[in-house]
Amino acid sequence: MGHLDHETFQTLWPSILVVVAMIGAMGWGIWKAIHLMQSDRTGQ
Protein backbone atom coordinates (compact mmCIF):
# COMPACT_ATOMS: atom_id res chain seq x y z
CA MET A 1 0.00 0.00 0.00
CA GLY A 2 1.29 3.43 -0.89
CA HIS A 3 1.99 6.30 1.41
CA LEU A 4 -1.04 8.41 2.35
CA ASP A 5 -0.35 12.11 2.27
CA HIS A 6 -2.27 14.61 4.37
CA GLU A 7 -4.67 15.71 1.61
CA THR A 8 -5.60 12.15 0.71
CA PHE A 9 -6.23 11.31 4.37
CA GLN A 10 -8.39 14.42 4.79
CA THR A 11 -10.47 13.27 1.82
CA LEU A 12 -10.76 9.62 2.84
CA TRP A 13 -11.40 9.73 6.60
CA PRO A 14 -15.15 10.48 6.38
CA SER A 15 -15.62 7.50 4.07
CA ILE A 16 -13.56 5.27 6.34
CA LEU A 17 -15.68 6.41 9.30
CA VAL A 18 -18.88 5.51 7.42
CA VAL A 19 -17.51 2.06 6.54
CA VAL A 20 -16.53 1.42 10.17
CA ALA A 21 -19.97 2.55 11.35
CA MET A 22 -21.70 0.25 8.83
CA ILE A 23 -19.58 -2.71 9.92
CA GLY A 24 -20.44 -1.95 13.53
CA ALA A 25 -24.15 -1.69 12.76
CA MET A 26 -24.12 -4.96 10.83
CA GLY A 27 -22.25 -6.70 13.63
CA TRP A 28 -24.72 -5.37 16.20
CA GLY A 29 -27.67 -6.43 14.02
CA ILE A 30 -26.31 -9.95 13.55
CA TRP A 31 -25.62 -10.27 17.30
CA LYS A 32 -29.12 -9.03 18.11
CA ALA A 33 -30.74 -11.43 15.60
CA ILE A 34 -28.81 -14.40 16.99
CA HIS A 35 -29.71 -13.37 20.55
CA LEU A 36 -33.40 -13.10 19.63
CA MET A 37 -33.39 -16.47 17.84
CA GLN A 38 -31.81 -18.15 20.87
CA SER A 39 -34.26 -16.57 23.31
CA ASP A 40 -37.17 -17.57 21.05
CA ARG A 41 -35.91 -21.16 20.90
CA THR A 42 -35.57 -21.41 24.69
CA GLY A 43 -39.03 -19.87 25.24
CA GLN A 44 -40.84 -22.70 23.46
PDB file of N, CA and C in Angstrom:
ATOM      1  N   MET A   1       0.842  -1.177   0.000  1.00  0.00           N
ATOM      2  CA  MET A   1       0.000   0.000   0.000  1.00  0.00           C
ATOM      3  C   MET A   1       0.885   1.238   0.000  1.00  0.00           C
ATOM      4  N   GLY A   2       0.487   2.223  -0.781  1.00  0.00           N
ATOM      5  CA  GLY A   2       1.293   3.433  -0.894  1.00  0.00           C
ATOM      6  C   GLY A   2       1.168   4.332   0.311  1.00  0.00           C
ATOM      7  N   HIS A   3       1.987   5.325   0.310  1.00  0.00           N
ATOM      8  CA  HIS A   3       1.995   6.296   1.409  1.00  0.00           C
ATOM      9  C   HIS A   3       0.813   7.246   1.272  1.00  0.00           C
ATOM     10  N   LEU A   4       0.077   7.471   2.366  1.00  0.00           N
ATOM     11  CA  LEU A   4      -1.044   8.405   2.353  1.00  0.00           C
ATOM     12  C   LEU A   4      -0.543   9.784   2.767  1.00  0.00           C
ATOM     13  N   ASP A   5      -0.706  10.757   1.885  1.00  0.00           N
ATOM     14  CA  ASP A   5      -0.354  12.107   2.273  1.00  0.00           C
ATOM     15  C   ASP A   5      -1.523  12.760   3.016  1.00  0.00           C
ATOM     16  N   HIS A   6      -1.281  13.938   3.520  1.00  0.00           N
ATOM     17  CA  HIS A   6      -2.272  14.609   4.375  1.00  0.00           C
ATOM     18  C   HIS A   6      -3.569  14.915   3.627  1.00  0.00           C
ATOM     19  N   GLU A   7      -3.465  15.369   2.378  1.00  0.00           N
ATOM     20  CA  GLU A   7      -4.666  15.713   1.609  1.00  0.00           C
ATOM     21  C   GLU A   7      -5.509  14.481   1.317  1.00  0.00           C
ATOM     22  N   THR A   8      -4.869  13.381   0.983  1.00  0.00           N
ATOM     23  CA  THR A   8      -5.600  12.145   0.712  1.00  0.00           C
ATOM     24  C   THR A   8      -6.298  11.664   1.972  1.00  0.00           C
ATOM     25  N   PHE A   9      -5.628  11.741   3.106  1.00  0.00           N
ATOM     26  CA  PHE A   9      -6.230  11.310   4.366  1.00  0.00           C
ATOM     27  C   PHE A   9      -7.421  12.195   4.711  1.00  0.00           C
ATOM     28  N   GLN A  10      -7.291  13.505   4.505  1.00  0.00           N
ATOM     29  CA  GLN A  10      -8.391  14.421   4.794  1.00  0.00           C
ATOM     30  C   GLN A  10      -9.600  14.107   3.921  1.00  0.00           C
ATOM     31  N   THR A  11      -9.379  13.621   2.711  1.00  0.00           N
ATOM     32  CA  THR A  11     -10.475  13.266   1.818  1.00  0.00           C
ATOM     33  C   THR A  11     -11.098  11.935   2.197  1.00  0.00           C
ATOM     34  N   LEU A  12     -10.280  10.977   2.637  1.00  0.00           N
ATOM     35  CA  LEU A  12     -10.763   9.619   2.844  1.00  0.00           C
ATOM     36  C   LEU A  12     -11.350   9.352   4.224  1.00  0.00           C
ATOM     37  N   TRP A  13     -10.981  10.121   5.256  1.00  0.00           N
ATOM     38  CA  TRP A  13     -11.398   9.728   6.605  1.00  0.00           C
ATOM     39  C   TRP A  13     -12.902   9.722   6.803  1.00  0.00           C
ATOM     40  N   PRO A  14     -13.703  10.614   6.190  1.00  0.00           N
ATOM     41  CA  PRO A  14     -15.155  10.482   6.385  1.00  0.00           C
ATOM     42  C   PRO A  14     -15.698   9.169   5.803  1.00  0.00           C
ATOM     43  N   SER A  15     -15.179   8.763   4.669  1.00  0.00           N
ATOM     44  CA  SER A  15     -15.625   7.502   4.065  1.00  0.00           C
ATOM     45  C   SER A  15     -15.221   6.317   4.931  1.00  0.00           C
ATOM     46  N   ILE A  16     -14.026   6.356   5.471  1.00  0.00           N
ATOM     47  CA  ILE A  16     -13.564   5.274   6.340  1.00  0.00           C
ATOM     48  C   ILE A  16     -14.436   5.211   7.593  1.00  0.00           C
ATOM     49  N   LEU A  17     -14.809   6.376   8.130  1.00  0.00           N
ATOM     50  CA  LEU A  17     -15.680   6.412   9.304  1.00  0.00           C
ATOM     51  C   LEU A  17     -17.034   5.787   8.996  1.00  0.00           C
ATOM     52  N   VAL A  18     -17.587   6.073   7.810  1.00  0.00           N
ATOM     53  CA  VAL A  18     -18.884   5.507   7.419  1.00  0.00           C
ATOM     54  C   VAL A  18     -18.781   3.997   7.289  1.00  0.00           C
ATOM     55  N   VAL A  19     -17.703   3.497   6.693  1.00  0.00           N
ATOM     56  CA  VAL A  19     -17.511   2.059   6.535  1.00  0.00           C
ATOM     57  C   VAL A  19     -17.407   1.386   7.907  1.00  0.00           C
ATOM     58  N   VAL A  20     -16.663   1.983   8.823  1.00  0.00           N
ATOM     59  CA  VAL A  20     -16.532   1.415  10.170  1.00  0.00           C
ATOM     60  C   VAL A  20     -17.882   1.410  10.879  1.00  0.00           C
ATOM     61  N   ALA A  21     -18.656   2.495  10.719  1.00  0.00           N
ATOM     62  CA  ALA A  21     -19.974   2.550  11.352  1.00  0.00           C
ATOM     63  C   ALA A  21     -20.909   1.497  10.771  1.00  0.00           C
ATOM     64  N   MET A  22     -20.851   1.269   9.455  1.00  0.00           N
ATOM     65  CA  MET A  22     -21.699   0.251   8.831  1.00  0.00           C
ATOM     66  C   MET A  22     -21.318  -1.147   9.303  1.00  0.00           C
ATOM     67  N   ILE A  23     -20.021  -1.404   9.422  1.00  0.00           N
ATOM     68  CA  ILE A  23     -19.575  -2.711   9.918  1.00  0.00           C
ATOM     69  C   ILE A  23     -20.051  -2.909  11.355  1.00  0.00           C
ATOM     70  N   GLY A  24     -19.961  -1.863  12.163  1.00  0.00           N
ATOM     71  CA  GLY A  24     -20.440  -1.948  13.534  1.00  0.00           C
ATOM     72  C   GLY A  24     -21.935  -2.200  13.609  1.00  0.00           C
ATOM     73  N   ALA A  25     -22.700  -1.510  12.756  1.00  0.00           N
ATOM     74  CA  ALA A  25     -24.150  -1.690  12.758  1.00  0.00           C
ATOM     75  C   ALA A  25     -24.533  -3.092  12.298  1.00  0.00           C
ATOM     76  N   MET A  26     -23.829  -3.602  11.289  1.00  0.00           N
ATOM     77  CA  MET A  26     -24.125  -4.962  10.825  1.00  0.00           C
ATOM     78  C   MET A  26     -23.764  -5.988  11.896  1.00  0.00           C
ATOM     79  N   GLY A  27     -22.639  -5.790  12.561  1.00  0.00           N
ATOM     80  CA  GLY A  27     -22.250  -6.703  13.634  1.00  0.00           C
ATOM     81  C   GLY A  27     -23.263  -6.682  14.765  1.00  0.00           C
ATOM     82  N   TRP A  28     -23.722  -5.478  15.143  1.00  0.00           N
ATOM     83  CA  TRP A  28     -24.716  -5.370  16.205  1.00  0.00           C
ATOM     84  C   TRP A  28     -26.019  -6.036  15.777  1.00  0.00           C
ATOM     85  N   GLY A  29     -26.431  -5.833  14.515  1.00  0.00           N
ATOM     86  CA  GLY A  29     -27.667  -6.434  14.021  1.00  0.00           C
ATOM     87  C   GLY A  29     -27.601  -7.951  13.999  1.00  0.00           C
ATOM     88  N   ILE A  30     -26.478  -8.491  13.573  1.00  0.00           N
ATOM     89  CA  ILE A  30     -26.311  -9.952  13.546  1.00  0.00           C
ATOM     90  C   ILE A  30     -26.337 -10.498  14.973  1.00  0.00           C
ATOM     91  N   TRP A  31     -25.632  -9.811  15.892  1.00  0.00           N
ATOM     92  CA  TRP A  31     -25.621 -10.266  17.296  1.00  0.00           C
ATOM     93  C   TRP A  31     -27.032 -10.225  17.872  1.00  0.00           C
ATOM     94  N   LYS A  32     -27.774  -9.161  17.576  1.00  0.00           N
ATOM     95  CA  LYS A  32     -29.124  -9.027  18.109  1.00  0.00           C
ATOM     96  C   LYS A  32     -30.037 -10.117  17.526  1.00  0.00           C
ATOM     97  N   ALA A  33     -29.912 -10.393  16.230  1.00  0.00           N
ATOM     98  CA  ALA A  33     -30.743 -11.425  15.605  1.00  0.00           C
ATOM     99  C   ALA A  33     -30.451 -12.798  16.203  1.00  0.00           C
ATOM    100  N   ILE A  34     -29.176 -13.111  16.402  1.00  0.00           N
ATOM    101  CA  ILE A  34     -28.809 -14.400  16.994  1.00  0.00           C
ATOM    102  C   ILE A  34     -29.345 -14.490  18.419  1.00  0.00           C
ATOM    103  N   HIS A  35     -29.206 -13.396  19.171  1.00  0.00           N
ATOM    104  CA  HIS A  35     -29.710 -13.374  20.545  1.00  0.00           C
ATOM    105  C   HIS A  35     -31.221 -13.593  20.574  1.00  0.00           C
ATOM    106  N   LEU A  36     -31.951 -12.938  19.663  1.00  0.00           N
ATOM    107  CA  LEU A  36     -33.404 -13.099  19.625  1.00  0.00           C
ATOM    108  C   LEU A  36     -33.800 -14.509  19.212  1.00  0.00           C
ATOM    109  N   MET A  37     -33.077 -15.099  18.255  1.00  0.00           N
ATOM    110  CA  MET A  37     -33.388 -16.467  17.840  1.00  0.00           C
ATOM    111  C   MET A  37     -33.149 -17.446  18.986  1.00  0.00           C
ATOM    112  N   GLN A  38     -32.085 -17.244  19.747  1.00  0.00           N
ATOM    113  CA  GLN A  38     -31.807 -18.145  20.869  1.00  0.00           C
ATOM    114  C   GLN A  38     -32.848 -17.986  21.975  1.00  0.00           C
ATOM    115  N   SER A  39     -33.264 -16.772  22.253  1.00  0.00           N
ATOM    116  CA  SER A  39     -34.261 -16.570  23.306  1.00  0.00           C
ATOM    117  C   SER A  39     -35.620 -17.111  22.861  1.00  0.00           C
ATOM    118  N   ASP A  40     -35.919 -17.032  21.562  1.00  0.00           N
ATOM    119  CA  ASP A  40     -37.175 -17.574  21.052  1.00  0.00           C
ATOM    120  C   ASP A  40     -37.169 -19.094  21.142  1.00  0.00           C
ATOM    121  N   ARG A  41     -36.014 -19.695  20.850  1.00  0.00           N
ATOM    122  CA  ARG A  41     -35.910 -21.156  20.901  1.00  0.00           C
ATOM    123  C   ARG A  41     -36.067 -21.659  22.332  1.00  0.00           C
ATOM    124  N   THR A  42     -35.491 -20.967  23.313  1.00  0.00           N
ATOM    125  CA  THR A  42     -35.573 -21.414  24.691  1.00  0.00           C
ATOM    126  C   THR A  42     -36.949 -21.133  25.279  1.00  0.00           C
ATOM    127  N   GLY A  43     -37.717 -20.185  24.714  1.00  0.00           N
ATOM    128  CA  GLY A  43     -39.029 -19.875  25.236  1.00  0.00           C
ATOM    129  C   GLY A  43     -40.077 -20.899  24.885  1.00  0.00           C
ATOM    130  N   GLN A  44     -39.826 -21.717  23.883  1.00  0.00           N
ATOM    131  CA  GLN A  44     -40.840 -22.698  23.463  1.00  0.00           C
ATOM    132  C   GLN A  44     -40.737 -23.990  24.223  1.00  0.00           C
TER     133      GLN A  44
END
